[in-house]
Each structure stands twice: as structure tokens, then as C-alpha cells.
Amino acid sequence: MNSTLFIGMIYFRKVLFLGIIFSFLEYKSQSKIHDIDSLQTEGFGKLLKNGDFKKIILQERKYLEVARKKNYKKGEIRGNINIAYALTVFKKNKTSLDFLEIAKKELDKDQDNNLLEYLYFVYGVNYNLLHMHSQAIRSFDVAFEYAQRIEDKKTREKRLYNIYDWKRNSFQVLGMMDSVYSNEKKCMQSPMPMLFITIANRHFQNQNIDSAEFFINKANDLLFVKEIPIEGKANVLRAFGKLNIKKKHYDKALNYLFNSLKITSKANLRKRNLESYELISEAYKGLNDKEKEQEFVLKYSQLRDSLRTEEETVTNIVIEKILDEELKKEKGNKYYFYYIIISILVMSIVAIYLIRDELKKREKLKDFLIDQKVQESQELRKKLSNVHDELIQLVKNSDPSFMNRFRELYPEFCNNLTSKYNHLTLNDLRLCAFIKLNFSNKQIADYDHISLRTVESKKYRLRKKLELPKEIDFNKWILEH
């Protein structure tokens, strides 16, 4: 009996020891998971404030590996979304969307309001940056639904502010000003510098310099009372640069703009660099420094063309994806429709009336979409007409900014000419621009204050430079080029 008791006690001690070991390992595992959560939230926030987006991507990749080893799915999901958000800053929208797709597949299995809100918010940011503003607003609306379900009040309010702020931007681009003002009002509860800068820009457009200065100063005040990301400081500096250009204090403007450019270049915020280049060239123009003006006009043009090419590529990919999803939905609807027909035959005649009603609604929706497309087409034609009128007015006023504006509106035409015929002078390009705008010889003579004979002579010399055969219609060649 004593022997049995002794063996039992030994067995009990072994079981107890193993239990302690397993408990310790479980504690270490949970502690590691807690570390991942802490680093992915607090660490991400600090790096975001400092504008160190490259480090965000590097660190999140490291945390992703740890989360995978621990089979911690939420850590993996958050890591993928954090990387996707950082990539939007570098205009790497395609790669950003790929990371979001990885996160989305995992979230379909694990519903989490915090992560779902974050996912659709970053989708919205991508679409906004790709100028797909209607799609962006739809994504922000989904994010808004999930944000309202977040239990922690402080987190919920912060997420809702970000959604209001980005939606405000998309509504402004779409010209839906009532929605802009509505979202601005909500943002005013906890404003960030860019909110006041956006309002200041509206006052600049209306030539209300004093009002614009008031809001830029309010944006600047926030830098001293709130924890603002480094990009916010760059935005305020750039706003002061613009203000001083409007006041014709060009040297002071350049000081602000180069300080802003230094921050955004370090953080690789290319879109913000683009804005700085444009303003710097404007400041040098005010100082009548043609060489520096042209230097930054060139930097602006090159960066703008690069960003535009990237955006067009990614936009096409996104549109194809949306169309594929719509086709899948349509196929699903088709099978569902067959199922309904079979059910109708079994159930009753009442269902037939319901289907007829549904078909009428679809027909109305189809008509509505067609009308909307026609309206968009008419608005596009109107915009093109306004652009043409704007260029004509610049020519009539002998405005020196005519060629810069023409290059912005016809970048492909200008790039083709300058790349194939790099010996063309500025006057040659100006004549090509006149012909591209379908000006007659008489109009060119009037606008350039020269005789008809001089116009014909210029065309003849330009034709020789382009080495065009005699049988080719020169004007038609330019228009189709």
C-alpha cells in the first residue's frame, strides 16, 4: 500500500511539473502576441508621425514573420494592411491593393470590426489617390459602418474622423460642395492642419488672401498643440509658401517651400513634391529668374508624367478587377434567376408579379445609368470646350504661360514632338500648338502679330525641319499626331 502511494505521488509530481511547463510556454506565447499587437499599433503610430514609411514597411514585414510562426492571424492581417497603407504614400497602389487582397481573404474568415474598418479605409485611400472618387466614397461608406461598431470610444472617434476627412476630399473633387461642408463640419470637432489648408485654398481661389492667411495660421497653431505627423508640418510650410507668393514675397516663399520639399523628399512623398515644384517655379517666375523657373517646371512635368503613367496603369488594373467582380455577380444573379423561375412555378402566380416588378426596377436603373453616362459625356465635352477657350484667351492676351498650360493639357503630343524632333525651337513648338488647336493662318497671324506671308513661311520652314513628304497634309499631320 505504501509502495502504491509512493508511485502515485511521483506520477502526480510529473504531471504537475509538465502542467507548469505548458502554462509557462502558453504565457510566453501570449506575451509574444501582445508584443506584436503593441508594436503594430504604437510602433506604427510613432513611425507614421515621423513620416518614416520605409521603416514601417521593413518593421511590418518582420512582425508578419513572427505572427505567421505563432499562427496569429490578426497580427498577419494588421501587418498586411499597415504595409498597404504605407505603400499608398509611395504611390505604389497596385502593390498596396495586392496586400489588401491578402488581408481581405483572411478577414472573410475572421470578422473583426477594427480590422474591417481599417481594410476598407485603406481601399478608399487607394481609390482616392487613383482619382476613382466615386469608388473611394463607397469604400469609405463601408469603413464607416464598421467604425460605428468599434467599442473603444477613442479609437472609434479617431477612425470616424479619418473617414470624414478623406470623404471630404473626394466630394470636393467631384464638386459636391454640400457634402464637403457637411464632412468639414464633422472634422472640426478634432481638426488637423490639412483641413484648414484646404479651406485656405478655397479662399485663394476667390482671391480672399486675408481669409486664407487666417486659416493657414490656424493650421500652424495645431502643430504646437497636437501630435501631428511630419507630413502635416510639410503641408503647413507649403501653405505659407503659397501665401507669400500671393503676397509677392517671393524670397520668403522659397524659404518655406524648400523646407517643405526637404521633408517630403526625405519621406518620399512624391505627390507633395509635385505641389512644391509647381509653387517653386511660380516663385522664381515672380523673381524673373527664368533659368530656375524652367528647372522646376521641368521637374514638375517629369514627376507629373511619371505619377500619371503609374496611376493610369493601376487604374486600368483596378477597373478590370471591378468588371470581373461584376461579371461574377451577374453570373451568380443569372443562376439565382433560374432558381427563382423554378420556385415560381411551384409556389404561386403571386411570385410572377414580384418578378415583373423587379424587372421594371432593373429597367429603370438601366435607364438611369444610361442617362448618367450621357450627362457625364456632355460634361466632358463642355470641359474640353472650356479648355480650348482658356488656351485661346491665353494666346489673345500674349500670356507667356500659354506653352506651359498647353503642355499640361496635351502632354502626349508635346512629348512625341520633343522626343522625335529634339532640334525644334520653342517658336516651332508654339506654331505646332497653334495648328493643334486648329487655328487658321489668319488667326495665327492675328495672335502672333505677324503677316500671313510670315505664317506661311514659318510653316514651310517647320515642315522642312520635320522632313515631311510633299504629299502629306501638314495641318492634318499635326492634328493626328
Protein backbone atom coordinates (compact mmCIF):
# COMPACT_ATOMS: atom_id res chain seq x y z
CA MET A 1 0.00 0.00 0.00
CA ASN A 2 2.84 2.41 0.87
CA SER A 3 4.58 1.45 -2.39
CA THR A 4 1.46 2.30 -4.45
CA LEU A 5 1.10 5.63 -2.67
CA PHE A 6 4.76 6.45 -3.31
CA ILE A 7 4.43 5.72 -7.09
CA GLY A 8 1.23 7.83 -7.21
CA MET A 9 2.99 10.79 -5.65
CA ILE A 10 5.84 10.56 -8.18
CA TYR A 11 3.32 10.43 -11.05
CA PHE A 12 1.44 13.41 -9.58
CA ARG A 13 4.67 15.44 -9.35
CA LYS A 14 5.49 14.71 -13.02
CA VAL A 15 2.03 15.77 -14.15
CA LEU A 16 2.26 18.93 -12.04
CA PHE A 17 5.72 19.76 -13.48
CA LEU A 18 4.51 19.28 -17.08
CA GLY A 19 1.49 21.46 -16.31
CA ILE A 20 3.75 24.26 -15.07
CA ILE A 21 5.97 23.96 -18.19
CA PHE A 22 2.98 24.11 -20.56
CA SER A 23 1.49 27.06 -18.65
CA PHE A 24 4.80 28.90 -18.89
CA LEU A 25 5.06 28.24 -22.64
CA GLU A 26 1.46 29.39 -23.16
CA TYR A 27 2.20 32.55 -21.14
CA LYS A 28 5.29 33.24 -23.28
CA SER A 29 3.25 32.70 -26.45
CA GLN A 30 0.50 35.10 -25.30
CA SER A 31 3.16 37.61 -24.21
CA LYS A 32 4.73 37.45 -27.70
CA ILE A 33 1.31 38.02 -29.30
CA HIS A 34 0.77 41.01 -27.01
CA ASP A 35 4.17 42.36 -28.12
CA ILE A 36 3.13 42.05 -31.78
CA ASP A 37 -0.13 43.96 -31.09
CA SER A 38 1.74 46.66 -29.20
CA LEU A 39 4.40 47.11 -31.88
CA GLN A 40 1.86 47.11 -34.73
CA THR A 41 -0.23 49.85 -33.10
CA GLU A 42 2.06 52.05 -31.00
CA GLY A 43 5.18 51.46 -33.13
CA PHE A 44 3.26 52.07 -36.34
CA GLY A 45 1.80 55.29 -34.92
CA LYS A 46 5.23 56.69 -33.95
CA LEU A 47 6.76 55.90 -37.35
CA LEU A 48 3.71 57.36 -39.08
CA LYS A 49 4.10 60.60 -37.12
CA ASN A 50 7.78 60.83 -38.13
CA GLY A 51 6.94 60.10 -41.78
CA ASP A 52 9.30 57.11 -41.82
CA PHE A 53 7.23 54.96 -44.18
CA LYS A 54 10.16 52.88 -45.40
CA LYS A 55 10.83 51.76 -41.83
CA ILE A 56 7.12 50.96 -41.40
CA ILE A 57 7.30 48.52 -44.32
CA LEU A 58 10.53 46.91 -43.07
CA GLN A 59 9.27 46.50 -39.49
CA GLU A 60 5.83 45.24 -40.51
CA ARG A 61 7.46 42.53 -42.67
CA LYS A 62 9.40 41.42 -39.59
CA TYR A 63 6.25 41.35 -37.43
CA LEU A 64 4.45 39.43 -40.17
CA GLU A 65 7.02 36.65 -39.96
CA VAL A 66 6.63 36.46 -36.16
CA ALA A 67 2.82 36.42 -36.46
CA ARG A 68 2.96 33.61 -39.05
CA LYS A 69 5.23 31.50 -36.85
CA LYS A 70 2.81 32.00 -33.94
CA ASN A 71 -0.18 31.39 -36.27
CA TYR A 72 -1.55 34.74 -35.08
CA LYS A 73 -3.95 35.65 -37.91
CA LYS A 74 -4.94 39.10 -36.64
CA GLY A 75 -1.29 40.08 -36.48
CA GLU A 76 -0.83 38.93 -40.09
CA ILE A 77 -3.93 40.81 -41.25
CA ARG A 78 -2.95 44.04 -39.47
CA GLY A 79 0.60 43.75 -40.82
CA ASN A 80 -0.63 43.42 -44.41
CA ILE A 81 -2.94 46.44 -44.05
CA ASN A 82 -0.21 48.53 -42.38
CA ILE A 83 2.13 47.77 -45.31
CA ALA A 84 -0.67 48.56 -47.78
CA TYR A 85 -1.26 51.94 -46.11
CA ALA A 86 2.46 52.82 -46.15
CA LEU A 87 2.67 51.90 -49.85
CA THR A 88 -0.04 54.45 -50.74
CA VAL A 89 2.38 57.19 -49.69
CA PHE A 90 4.87 56.00 -52.31
CA LYS A 91 2.08 55.81 -54.95
CA LYS A 92 2.62 52.03 -55.14
CA ASN A 93 -1.12 51.49 -55.42
CA LYS A 94 -1.02 48.17 -57.27
CA THR A 95 1.21 46.57 -54.63
CA SER A 96 -0.88 48.18 -51.90
CA LEU A 97 -4.06 46.66 -53.33
CA ASP A 98 -2.34 43.24 -53.54
CA PHE A 99 -1.59 43.37 -49.79
CA LEU A 100 -5.19 44.41 -49.10
CA GLU A 101 -6.46 41.39 -51.07
CA ILE A 102 -4.34 39.08 -48.89
CA ALA A 103 -5.79 40.70 -45.75
CA LYS A 104 -9.35 40.57 -47.13
CA LYS A 105 -9.21 36.80 -47.74
CA GLU A 106 -8.22 36.22 -44.11
CA LEU A 107 -10.83 38.68 -42.79
CA ASP A 108 -13.59 36.84 -44.63
CA LYS A 109 -12.93 34.00 -42.17
CA ASP A 110 -12.43 36.20 -39.09
CA GLN A 111 -14.86 39.13 -38.68
CA ASP A 112 -13.24 41.97 -36.72
CA ASN A 113 -14.75 45.49 -36.81
CA ASN A 114 -11.40 47.23 -36.14
CA LEU A 115 -9.60 45.44 -38.95
CA LEU A 116 -12.54 45.54 -41.38
CA GLU A 117 -12.84 49.32 -40.93
CA TYR A 118 -9.09 49.71 -41.46
CA LEU A 119 -9.17 47.47 -44.56
CA TYR A 120 -11.93 49.38 -46.36
CA PHE A 121 -10.48 52.72 -45.28
CA VAL A 122 -7.16 51.90 -47.00
CA TYR A 123 -9.10 50.67 -50.05
CA GLY A 124 -10.76 54.10 -50.10
CA VAL A 125 -7.39 55.89 -49.80
CA ASN A 126 -6.07 53.93 -52.80
CA TYR A 127 -9.11 54.75 -54.95
CA ASN A 128 -8.91 58.41 -53.92
CA LEU A 129 -5.27 58.63 -54.98
CA LEU A 130 -6.16 56.94 -58.29
CA HIS A 131 -8.86 59.61 -58.86
CA MET A 132 -11.62 56.96 -58.67
CA HIS A 133 -13.55 59.12 -56.24
CA SER A 134 -17.00 57.50 -56.51
CA GLN A 135 -15.43 54.11 -55.78
CA ALA A 136 -13.44 55.71 -52.92
CA ILE A 137 -16.62 57.10 -51.31
CA ARG A 138 -18.27 53.66 -51.49
CA SER A 139 -15.27 52.10 -49.71
CA PHE A 140 -15.27 54.85 -47.06
CA ASP A 141 -19.00 54.24 -46.50
CA VAL A 142 -18.32 50.54 -45.79
CA ALA A 143 -15.48 51.56 -43.46
CA PHE A 144 -17.88 53.96 -41.71
CA GLU A 145 -20.34 51.12 -40.97
CA TYR A 146 -17.62 49.05 -39.31
CA ALA A 147 -16.17 52.08 -37.47
CA GLN A 148 -19.51 52.71 -35.74
CA ARG A 149 -19.33 49.20 -34.26
CA ILE A 150 -15.89 49.70 -32.66
CA GLU A 151 -16.35 49.53 -28.89
CA ASP A 152 -13.44 51.71 -27.75
CA LYS A 153 -14.72 55.32 -27.95
CA LYS A 154 -11.32 56.96 -28.55
CA THR A 155 -10.44 54.55 -31.37
CA ARG A 156 -13.92 54.86 -32.88
CA GLU A 157 -13.79 58.68 -32.96
CA LYS A 158 -10.30 58.71 -34.49
CA ARG A 159 -11.34 56.28 -37.24
CA LEU A 160 -14.51 58.25 -38.00
CA TYR A 161 -12.51 61.49 -38.28
CA ASN A 162 -10.16 59.91 -40.85
CA ILE A 163 -13.14 58.72 -42.89
CA TYR A 164 -14.82 62.16 -42.81
CA ASP A 165 -11.52 63.81 -43.81
CA TRP A 166 -10.88 61.60 -46.85
CA LYS A 167 -14.54 61.64 -47.95
CA ARG A 168 -14.41 65.44 -47.81
CA ASN A 169 -11.51 65.36 -50.26
CA SER A 170 -13.31 63.03 -52.71
CA PHE A 171 -16.54 65.05 -52.56
CA GLN A 172 -14.58 68.25 -53.28
CA VAL A 173 -13.01 66.76 -56.42
CA LEU A 174 -16.50 65.64 -57.55
CA GLY A 175 -17.80 69.19 -56.94
CA MET A 176 -20.37 68.00 -54.34
CA MET A 177 -19.89 71.00 -52.06
CA ASP A 178 -22.87 70.35 -49.73
CA SER A 179 -21.27 67.01 -48.82
CA VAL A 180 -17.87 68.73 -48.48
CA TYR A 181 -19.23 71.25 -45.95
CA SER A 182 -21.09 68.51 -44.07
CA ASN A 183 -17.92 66.42 -43.64
CA GLU A 184 -15.83 69.51 -42.82
CA LYS A 185 -18.24 70.33 -40.01
CA LYS A 186 -17.74 66.84 -38.55
CA CYS A 187 -13.94 67.18 -38.89
CA MET A 188 -13.99 70.48 -36.96
CA GLN A 189 -14.58 68.53 -33.73
CA SER A 190 -10.90 67.49 -33.86
CA PRO A 191 -9.27 69.33 -36.79
CA MET A 192 -5.95 68.53 -38.43
CA PRO A 193 -3.78 71.05 -40.37
CA MET A 194 -4.85 69.84 -43.84
CA LEU A 195 -8.48 70.70 -43.07
CA PHE A 196 -7.65 74.39 -42.57
CA ILE A 197 -5.23 74.37 -45.53
CA THR A 198 -7.98 73.04 -47.81
CA ILE A 199 -10.32 75.82 -46.65
CA ALA A 200 -7.50 78.35 -47.20
CA ASN A 201 -7.07 77.09 -50.78
CA ARG A 202 -10.74 77.79 -51.46
CA HIS A 203 -10.19 81.36 -50.28
CA PHE A 204 -7.13 81.62 -52.55
CA GLN A 205 -9.35 80.70 -55.49
CA ASN A 206 -11.70 83.55 -54.57
CA GLN A 207 -8.74 85.95 -54.09
CA ASN A 208 -9.54 86.29 -50.35
CA ILE A 209 -5.90 86.43 -49.23
CA ASP A 210 -6.62 87.64 -45.67
CA SER A 211 -9.11 84.81 -45.06
CA ALA A 212 -6.67 82.28 -46.50
CA GLU A 213 -3.93 83.57 -44.17
CA PHE A 214 -6.27 83.25 -41.18
CA PHE A 215 -6.86 79.54 -41.85
CA ILE A 216 -3.18 78.81 -42.59
CA ASN A 217 -2.30 80.33 -39.20
CA LYS A 218 -4.93 78.09 -37.59
CA ALA A 219 -3.28 75.09 -39.29
CA ASN A 220 0.10 76.23 -37.98
CA ASP A 221 -1.26 76.62 -34.42
CA LEU A 222 -2.22 72.92 -34.42
CA LEU A 223 1.45 71.93 -34.80
CA PHE A 224 2.05 73.23 -31.26
CA VAL A 225 -0.99 71.71 -29.53
CA LYS A 226 -1.42 68.30 -31.21
CA GLU A 227 0.76 65.37 -32.22
CA ILE A 228 0.84 65.97 -35.97
CA PRO A 229 2.62 63.63 -38.46
CA ILE A 230 5.67 65.14 -40.16
CA GLU A 231 3.69 65.42 -43.42
CA GLY A 232 1.37 67.88 -41.64
CA LYS A 233 4.33 70.18 -40.92
CA ALA A 234 5.38 69.99 -44.59
CA ASN A 235 1.83 70.87 -45.67
CA VAL A 236 1.77 73.94 -43.42
CA LEU A 237 5.16 75.13 -44.73
CA ARG A 238 3.96 74.71 -48.31
CA ALA A 239 0.80 76.66 -47.49
CA PHE A 240 2.89 79.54 -46.12
CA GLY A 241 4.93 79.39 -49.32
CA LYS A 242 1.78 79.77 -51.41
CA LEU A 243 0.58 82.61 -49.19
CA ASN A 244 3.83 84.54 -49.69
CA ILE A 245 3.65 84.03 -53.45
CA LYS A 246 0.19 85.61 -53.39
CA LYS A 247 1.69 88.49 -51.38
CA LYS A 248 4.61 88.71 -53.85
CA HIS A 249 7.16 87.97 -51.11
CA TYR A 250 8.94 85.50 -53.38
CA ASP A 251 12.21 85.03 -51.44
CA LYS A 252 10.28 84.29 -48.26
CA ALA A 253 8.05 81.91 -50.20
CA LEU A 254 11.05 79.96 -51.49
CA ASN A 255 12.39 79.52 -47.97
CA TYR A 256 9.11 77.92 -46.83
CA LEU A 257 8.81 75.79 -49.98
CA PHE A 258 12.33 74.37 -49.87
CA ASN A 259 11.88 73.46 -46.18
CA SER A 260 8.65 71.67 -47.09
CA LEU A 261 10.34 69.94 -50.02
CA LYS A 262 13.15 68.74 -47.76
CA ILE A 263 10.63 66.94 -45.51
CA THR A 264 8.55 65.40 -48.30
CA SER A 265 11.63 64.31 -50.28
CA LYS A 266 13.04 62.52 -47.24
CA ALA A 267 9.70 60.75 -46.70
CA ASN A 268 9.41 60.10 -50.49
CA LEU A 269 6.01 61.86 -50.63
CA ARG A 270 6.11 62.38 -54.40
CA LYS A 271 2.67 63.94 -54.76
CA ARG A 272 3.61 66.60 -52.20
CA ASN A 273 6.92 67.13 -54.02
CA LEU A 274 4.92 67.80 -57.17
CA GLU A 275 2.94 70.56 -55.46
CA SER A 276 6.17 72.13 -54.17
CA TYR A 277 7.83 72.06 -57.62
CA GLU A 278 4.88 73.92 -59.14
CA LEU A 279 4.92 76.61 -56.44
CA ILE A 280 8.72 76.98 -56.55
CA SER A 281 8.63 77.55 -60.33
CA GLU A 282 5.90 80.15 -59.73
CA ALA A 283 8.06 81.92 -57.11
CA TYR A 284 11.09 82.02 -59.44
CA LYS A 285 8.81 83.39 -62.15
CA GLY A 286 7.89 86.20 -59.76
CA LEU A 287 11.61 86.87 -59.24
CA ASN A 288 12.07 86.86 -63.04
CA ASP A 289 14.65 84.05 -62.73
CA LYS A 290 13.90 82.25 -66.00
CA GLU A 291 16.58 79.60 -65.62
CA LYS A 292 15.38 78.44 -62.18
CA GLU A 293 11.76 78.71 -63.26
CA GLN A 294 12.38 76.37 -66.22
CA GLU A 295 14.39 73.98 -64.00
CA PHE A 296 11.45 73.44 -61.66
CA VAL A 297 8.87 73.46 -64.47
CA LEU A 298 10.85 70.55 -65.96
CA LYS A 299 10.99 68.73 -62.59
CA TYR A 300 7.27 69.28 -62.19
CA SER A 301 6.49 67.98 -65.69
CA GLN A 302 8.67 64.88 -65.36
CA LEU A 303 7.28 63.91 -61.94
CA ARG A 304 3.70 64.65 -63.01
CA ASP A 305 4.06 62.47 -66.13
CA SER A 306 5.61 59.66 -64.08
CA LEU A 307 2.81 59.74 -61.49
CA ARG A 308 0.15 59.96 -64.20
CA THR A 309 1.57 56.91 -66.04
CA GLU A 310 1.61 54.88 -62.82
CA GLU A 311 -1.93 55.97 -61.97
CA GLU A 312 -3.26 55.07 -65.42
CA THR A 313 -1.67 51.61 -65.26
CA VAL A 314 -3.06 50.82 -61.83
CA THR A 315 -6.46 52.37 -62.61
CA ASN A 316 -6.83 50.08 -65.62
CA ILE A 317 -5.98 47.05 -63.48
CA VAL A 318 -8.49 48.12 -60.81
CA ILE A 319 -11.23 48.74 -63.39
CA GLU A 320 -10.64 45.29 -64.93
CA LYS A 321 -10.90 43.75 -61.47
CA ILE A 322 -14.15 45.59 -60.72
CA LEU A 323 -15.58 44.47 -64.08
CA ASP A 324 -14.58 40.85 -63.36
CA GLU A 325 -16.31 41.04 -59.98
CA GLU A 326 -19.41 42.49 -61.64
CA LEU A 327 -19.40 39.65 -64.21
CA LYS A 328 -19.16 37.09 -61.42
CA LYS A 329 -22.05 38.76 -59.62
CA GLU A 330 -24.02 38.81 -62.86
CA LYS A 331 -23.42 35.08 -63.38
CA GLY A 332 -24.46 34.45 -59.80
CA ASN A 333 -27.59 36.53 -60.34
CA LYS A 334 -28.31 34.54 -63.51
CA TYR A 335 -28.25 31.20 -61.66
CA TYR A 336 -30.31 32.71 -58.90
CA PHE A 337 -32.78 33.94 -61.52
CA TYR A 338 -33.20 30.38 -62.86
CA TYR A 339 -33.76 29.13 -59.34
CA ILE A 340 -36.43 31.78 -58.82
CA ILE A 341 -38.21 30.76 -62.05
CA ILE A 342 -38.37 27.13 -60.89
CA SER A 343 -39.58 28.25 -57.47
CA ILE A 344 -42.21 30.45 -59.09
CA LEU A 345 -43.70 27.50 -60.96
CA VAL A 346 -44.03 25.63 -57.69
CA MET A 347 -45.12 28.39 -55.34
CA SER A 348 -47.82 30.56 -57.00
CA ILE A 349 -48.81 33.18 -59.55
CA VAL A 350 -48.12 35.90 -56.96
CA ALA A 351 -44.38 35.41 -57.42
CA ILE A 352 -44.76 36.24 -61.13
CA TYR A 353 -45.97 39.71 -60.25
CA LEU A 354 -42.99 40.15 -57.92
CA ILE A 355 -40.58 39.24 -60.72
CA ARG A 356 -42.28 41.63 -63.13
CA ASP A 357 -41.93 44.37 -60.54
CA GLU A 358 -38.24 43.52 -60.10
CA LEU A 359 -37.67 43.63 -63.87
CA LYS A 360 -39.28 47.06 -64.05
CA LYS A 361 -36.96 48.32 -61.32
CA ARG A 362 -33.94 46.98 -63.20
CA GLU A 363 -35.12 48.64 -66.38
CA LYS A 364 -35.45 51.96 -64.54
CA LEU A 365 -31.98 51.51 -63.08
CA LYS A 366 -30.60 50.76 -66.55
CA ASP A 367 -32.25 53.89 -67.95
CA PHE A 368 -30.89 55.91 -65.04
CA LEU A 369 -27.35 54.64 -65.66
CA ILE A 370 -27.63 55.43 -69.39
CA ASP A 371 -28.84 58.96 -68.60
CA GLN A 372 -25.97 59.35 -66.14
CA LYS A 373 -23.42 58.26 -68.77
CA VAL A 374 -24.90 60.70 -71.31
CA GLN A 375 -24.72 63.50 -68.76
CA GLU A 376 -21.08 62.65 -67.94
CA SER A 377 -20.27 62.65 -71.65
CA GLN A 378 -21.87 66.08 -72.09
CA GLU A 379 -19.95 67.44 -69.09
CA LEU A 380 -16.70 66.08 -70.56
CA ARG A 381 -17.36 67.81 -73.89
CA LYS A 382 -18.14 71.02 -72.00
CA LYS A 383 -14.84 70.77 -70.09
CA LEU A 384 -12.91 70.23 -73.33
CA SER A 385 -14.60 73.26 -74.81
CA ASN A 386 -13.68 75.34 -71.75
CA VAL A 387 -10.05 74.17 -72.01
CA HIS A 388 -9.92 75.23 -75.67
CA ASP A 389 -11.42 78.63 -74.80
CA GLU A 390 -8.90 79.05 -71.99
CA LEU A 391 -5.96 78.42 -74.34
CA ILE A 392 -7.34 80.83 -76.94
CA GLN A 393 -7.68 83.52 -74.26
CA LEU A 394 -4.05 82.98 -73.18
CA VAL A 395 -2.91 83.38 -76.80
CA LYS A 396 -5.02 86.51 -77.31
CA ASN A 397 -3.52 88.03 -74.15
CA SER A 398 0.01 87.04 -75.27
CA ASP A 399 0.30 85.29 -71.91
CA PRO A 400 3.79 83.66 -71.51
CA SER A 401 2.21 80.77 -69.57
CA PHE A 402 0.42 79.60 -72.73
CA MET A 403 3.00 76.90 -73.58
CA ASN A 404 3.16 75.57 -70.00
CA ARG A 405 -0.63 75.25 -69.92
CA PHE A 406 -0.65 73.68 -73.39
CA ARG A 407 1.94 71.09 -72.26
CA GLU A 408 -0.25 70.20 -69.26
CA LEU A 409 -3.30 69.65 -71.46
CA TYR A 410 -1.53 67.91 -74.36
CA PRO A 411 1.42 66.09 -72.68
CA GLU A 412 1.48 63.18 -75.13
CA PHE A 413 1.56 65.46 -78.19
CA CYS A 414 4.41 67.59 -76.76
CA ASN A 415 6.43 64.57 -75.61
CA ASN A 416 6.12 62.89 -79.03
CA LEU A 417 7.35 66.01 -80.82
CA THR A 418 10.26 66.77 -78.50
CA SER A 419 11.41 63.13 -78.35
CA LYS A 420 11.35 62.61 -82.13
CA TYR A 421 12.44 66.11 -83.15
CA ASN A 422 14.70 67.40 -80.40
CA HIS A 423 16.02 70.18 -82.63
CA LEU A 424 12.69 72.06 -82.59
CA THR A 425 12.80 75.53 -81.04
CA LEU A 426 10.26 77.00 -78.62
CA ASN A 427 8.81 79.05 -81.52
CA ASP A 428 8.47 75.86 -83.57
CA LEU A 429 6.59 74.17 -80.74
CA ARG A 430 4.40 77.26 -80.31
CA LEU A 431 3.45 77.11 -84.03
CA CYS A 432 2.70 73.37 -83.68
CA ALA A 433 0.47 74.22 -80.68
CA PHE A 434 -1.48 76.77 -82.77
CA ILE A 435 -2.03 74.21 -85.52
CA LYS A 436 -3.02 71.55 -82.95
CA LEU A 437 -5.69 73.96 -81.69
CA ASN A 438 -6.94 74.17 -85.31
CA PHE A 439 -6.12 77.87 -85.74
CA SER A 440 -6.28 79.17 -89.32
CA ASN A 441 -3.32 81.03 -90.88
CA LYS A 442 -5.20 84.29 -90.37
CA GLN A 443 -5.80 83.54 -86.68
CA ILE A 444 -2.11 82.66 -86.19
CA ALA A 445 -1.11 85.91 -87.89
CA ASP A 446 -3.50 87.93 -85.68
CA TYR A 447 -2.50 86.24 -82.42
CA ASP A 448 1.24 86.36 -83.16
CA HIS A 449 1.03 89.89 -84.62
CA ILE A 450 2.70 88.87 -87.90
CA SER A 451 1.68 88.83 -91.56
CA LEU A 452 0.01 85.94 -93.38
CA ARG A 453 3.08 85.59 -95.58
CA THR A 454 5.27 85.21 -92.48
CA VAL A 455 2.95 82.47 -91.16
CA GLU A 456 3.19 80.56 -94.43
CA SER A 457 6.96 80.97 -94.43
CA LYS A 458 7.19 79.66 -90.84
CA LYS A 459 5.05 76.66 -91.73
CA TYR A 460 7.24 75.92 -94.74
CA ARG A 461 10.42 76.01 -92.64
CA LEU A 462 8.85 73.90 -89.92
CA ARG A 463 7.69 71.33 -92.48
CA LYS A 464 11.28 71.03 -93.73
CA LYS A 465 12.54 70.55 -90.17
CA LEU A 466 10.02 67.74 -89.67
CA GLU A 467 11.11 66.23 -93.03
CA LEU A 468 7.53 65.68 -94.17
CA PRO A 469 6.92 64.48 -97.77
CA LYS A 470 5.08 66.92 -100.05
CA GLU A 471 2.03 64.69 -100.43
CA ILE A 472 1.28 64.83 -96.67
CA ASP A 473 -1.20 67.47 -95.49
CA PHE A 474 0.83 69.37 -92.87
CA ASN A 475 -2.15 70.58 -90.77
CA LYS A 476 -3.75 67.14 -90.80
CA TRP A 477 -0.44 65.53 -89.77
CA ILE A 478 -0.19 67.82 -86.73
CA LEU A 479 -3.84 67.26 -85.71
CA GLU A 480 -3.47 63.48 -85.90
CA HIS A 481 0.00 63.30 -84.35
